[in-house]
Amino acid sequence: MDKEIYSLIKKRSEKGMELLINEYAPLIKAIVKKHLYNFPQYHEECINDVYLKIWNNITSFDKEKNILKNWIAAIAKYRAIDYKRKYLKTLEHINVKLEM
């Protein structure tokens, strides 16, 4: 299944993304929710960003170094962490303004 997903996405076939979503959506959602538990309003946006990142960076996946599932999980984890940093920074900025 992973080989098919990889080759279809690499060929820019939407069918590859459909297969990826069917296979890995629960994993991606779980990882995003774990890291963004304080920001449920951003879950969907982050998940969509993960899919876009996979689509745009499929050529950087190296099947000799990793399996697709782990590569996808890493993307989801680091996108969620990036979102968390971004929104925590925004909250800090808002709190500073409110205190003035």
C-alpha atoms as a PDB file:
ATOM      1  CA  MET A   1       0.000   0.000   0.000  1.00  0.00           C
ATOM      2  CA  ASP A   2       2.791   2.438   0.909  1.00  0.00           C
ATOM      3  CA  LYS A   3       4.552   1.946  -2.418  1.00  0.00           C
ATOM      4  CA  GLU A   4       1.331   2.710  -4.254  1.00  0.00           C
ATOM      5  CA  ILE A   5       0.639   5.810  -2.153  1.00  0.00           C
ATOM      6  CA  TYR A   6       4.196   7.043  -2.673  1.00  0.00           C
ATOM      7  CA  SER A   7       4.243   6.504  -6.426  1.00  0.00           C
ATOM      8  CA  LEU A   8       0.793   8.040  -6.980  1.00  0.00           C
ATOM      9  CA  ILE A   9       1.592  11.161  -4.959  1.00  0.00           C
ATOM     10  CA  LYS A  10       4.953  11.469  -6.685  1.00  0.00           C
ATOM     11  CA  LYS A  11       3.074  11.397 -10.022  1.00  0.00           C
ATOM     12  CA  ARG A  12       0.755  14.106  -8.619  1.00  0.00           C
ATOM     13  CA  SER A  13      -2.277  11.832  -8.668  1.00  0.00           C
ATOM     14  CA  GLU A  14      -5.064  12.807  -6.296  1.00  0.00           C
ATOM     15  CA  LYS A  15      -5.818   9.112  -5.902  1.00  0.00           C
ATOM     16  CA  GLY A  16      -2.563   8.876  -3.928  1.00  0.00           C
ATOM     17  CA  MET A  17      -3.812  11.461  -1.454  1.00  0.00           C
ATOM     18  CA  GLU A  18      -7.132   9.644  -1.142  1.00  0.00           C
ATOM     19  CA  LEU A  19      -5.293   6.438  -0.292  1.00  0.00           C
ATOM     20  CA  LEU A  20      -3.024   8.276   2.140  1.00  0.00           C
ATOM     21  CA  ILE A  21      -5.989   9.850   3.913  1.00  0.00           C
ATOM     22  CA  ASN A  22      -7.817   6.521   4.119  1.00  0.00           C
ATOM     23  CA  GLU A  23      -4.724   4.807   5.510  1.00  0.00           C
ATOM     24  CA  TYR A  24      -3.151   7.443   7.758  1.00  0.00           C
ATOM     25  CA  ALA A  25      -5.838   9.978   8.764  1.00  0.00           C
ATOM     26  CA  PRO A  26      -6.309   8.476  12.260  1.00  0.00           C
ATOM     27  CA  LEU A  27      -2.554   8.559  12.894  1.00  0.00           C
ATOM     28  CA  ILE A  28      -2.214  12.165  11.711  1.00  0.00           C
ATOM     29  CA  LYS A  29      -5.247  13.305  13.734  1.00  0.00           C
ATOM     30  CA  ALA A  30      -3.959  11.608  16.882  1.00  0.00           C
ATOM     31  CA  ILE A  31      -0.532  13.218  16.591  1.00  0.00           C
ATOM     32  CA  VAL A  32      -1.945  16.678  15.898  1.00  0.00           C
ATOM     33  CA  LYS A  33      -4.429  16.410  18.785  1.00  0.00           C
ATOM     34  CA  LYS A  34      -1.665  15.257  21.128  1.00  0.00           C
ATOM     35  CA  HIS A  35       0.478  18.296  20.420  1.00  0.00           C
ATOM     36  CA  LEU A  36      -2.312  20.868  19.967  1.00  0.00           C
ATOM     37  CA  TYR A  37      -4.605  19.748  22.785  1.00  0.00           C
ATOM     38  CA  ASN A  38      -4.802  23.345  24.069  1.00  0.00           C
ATOM     39  CA  PHE A  39      -5.725  24.633  20.614  1.00  0.00           C
ATOM     40  CA  PRO A  40      -8.591  22.491  19.272  1.00  0.00           C
ATOM     41  CA  GLN A  41      -9.622  25.307  16.934  1.00  0.00           C
ATOM     42  CA  TYR A  42      -6.407  24.752  14.957  1.00  0.00           C
ATOM     43  CA  HIS A  43      -6.561  20.947  14.586  1.00  0.00           C
ATOM     44  CA  GLU A  44      -8.197  20.932  11.162  1.00  0.00           C
ATOM     45  CA  GLU A  45      -5.948  23.669   9.784  1.00  0.00           C
ATOM     46  CA  CYS A  46      -2.834  21.838  10.973  1.00  0.00           C
ATOM     47  CA  ILE A  47      -4.035  18.498   9.577  1.00  0.00           C
ATOM     48  CA  ASN A  48      -4.628  20.107   6.181  1.00  0.00           C
ATOM     49  CA  ASP A  49      -1.179  21.650   6.376  1.00  0.00           C
ATOM     50  CA  VAL A  50       0.296  18.190   7.056  1.00  0.00           C
ATOM     51  CA  TYR A  51      -1.364  16.835   3.907  1.00  0.00           C
ATOM     52  CA  LEU A  52      -0.052  19.771   1.882  1.00  0.00           C
ATOM     53  CA  LYS A  53       3.455  19.254   3.271  1.00  0.00           C
ATOM     54  CA  ILE A  54       3.329  15.567   2.313  1.00  0.00           C
ATOM     55  CA  TRP A  55       2.103  16.439  -1.190  1.00  0.00           C
ATOM     56  CA  ASN A  56       4.810  19.070  -1.722  1.00  0.00           C
ATOM     57  CA  ASN A  57       7.682  17.088  -0.199  1.00  0.00           C
ATOM     58  CA  ILE A  58       7.031  13.491  -1.253  1.00  0.00           C
ATOM     59  CA  THR A  59      10.288  13.454  -3.211  1.00  0.00           C
ATOM     60  CA  SER A  60      12.259  13.932   0.021  1.00  0.00           C
ATOM     61  CA  PHE A  61      10.956  10.618   1.363  1.00  0.00           C
ATOM     62  CA  ASP A  62      13.739   8.026   1.251  1.00  0.00           C
ATOM     63  CA  LYS A  63      12.425   4.471   1.488  1.00  0.00           C
ATOM     64  CA  GLU A  64      15.954   3.253   2.259  1.00  0.00           C
ATOM     65  CA  LYS A  65      16.081   5.290   5.476  1.00  0.00           C
ATOM     66  CA  ASN A  66      12.517   5.098   6.737  1.00  0.00           C
ATOM     67  CA  ILE A  67       9.038   3.710   6.239  1.00  0.00           C
ATOM     68  CA  LEU A  68       6.270   5.962   4.938  1.00  0.00           C
ATOM     69  CA  LYS A  69       4.244   5.732   8.159  1.00  0.00           C
ATOM     70  CA  ASN A  70       7.132   7.065  10.266  1.00  0.00           C
ATOM     71  CA  TRP A  71       7.899   9.812   7.751  1.00  0.00           C
ATOM     72  CA  ILE A  72       4.254  10.944   7.796  1.00  0.00           C
ATOM     73  CA  ALA A  73       4.180  10.799  11.603  1.00  0.00           C
ATOM     74  CA  ALA A  74       7.289  12.980  11.798  1.00  0.00           C
ATOM     75  CA  ILE A  75       5.764  15.557   9.466  1.00  0.00           C
ATOM     76  CA  ALA A  76       2.569  15.621  11.540  1.00  0.00           C
ATOM     77  CA  LYS A  77       4.516  15.959  14.786  1.00  0.00           C
ATOM     78  CA  TYR A  78       6.718  18.814  13.617  1.00  0.00           C
ATOM     79  CA  ARG A  79       3.872  20.701  11.901  1.00  0.00           C
ATOM     80  CA  ALA A  80       1.849  20.490  15.123  1.00  0.00           C
ATOM     81  CA  ILE A  81       4.817  21.708  17.167  1.00  0.00           C
ATOM     82  CA  ASP A  82       5.276  24.611  14.728  1.00  0.00           C
ATOM     83  CA  TYR A  83       1.602  25.527  15.109  1.00  0.00           C
ATOM     84  CA  LYS A  84       1.872  25.355  18.888  1.00  0.00           C
ATOM     85  CA  ARG A  85       4.911  27.656  18.906  1.00  0.00           C
ATOM     86  CA  LYS A  86       3.193  30.090  16.568  1.00  0.00           C
ATOM     87  CA  TYR A  87       0.015  30.344  18.622  1.00  0.00           C
ATOM     88  CA  LEU A  88       1.780  30.425  21.979  1.00  0.00           C
ATOM     89  CA  LYS A  89       3.826  33.342  20.681  1.00  0.00           C
ATOM     90  CA  THR A  90       0.606  35.049  19.561  1.00  0.00           C
ATOM     91  CA  LEU A  91      -0.939  34.527  23.013  1.00  0.00           C
ATOM     92  CA  GLU A  92       2.157  35.940  24.725  1.00  0.00           C
ATOM     93  CA  HIS A  93       1.998  38.985  22.460  1.00  0.00           C
ATOM     94  CA  ILE A  94      -1.704  39.496  23.256  1.00  0.00           C
ATOM     95  CA  ASN A  95      -1.067  39.127  26.998  1.00  0.00           C
ATOM     96  CA  VAL A  96       1.715  41.729  26.882  1.00  0.00           C
ATOM     97  CA  LYS A  97      -0.632  44.184  25.131  1.00  0.00           C
ATOM     98  CA  LEU A  98      -3.417  43.507  27.659  1.00  0.00           C
ATOM     99  CA  GLU A  99      -1.104  44.153  30.586  1.00  0.00           C
ATOM    100  CA  MET A 100      -0.111  47.593  29.266  1.00  0.00           C
END
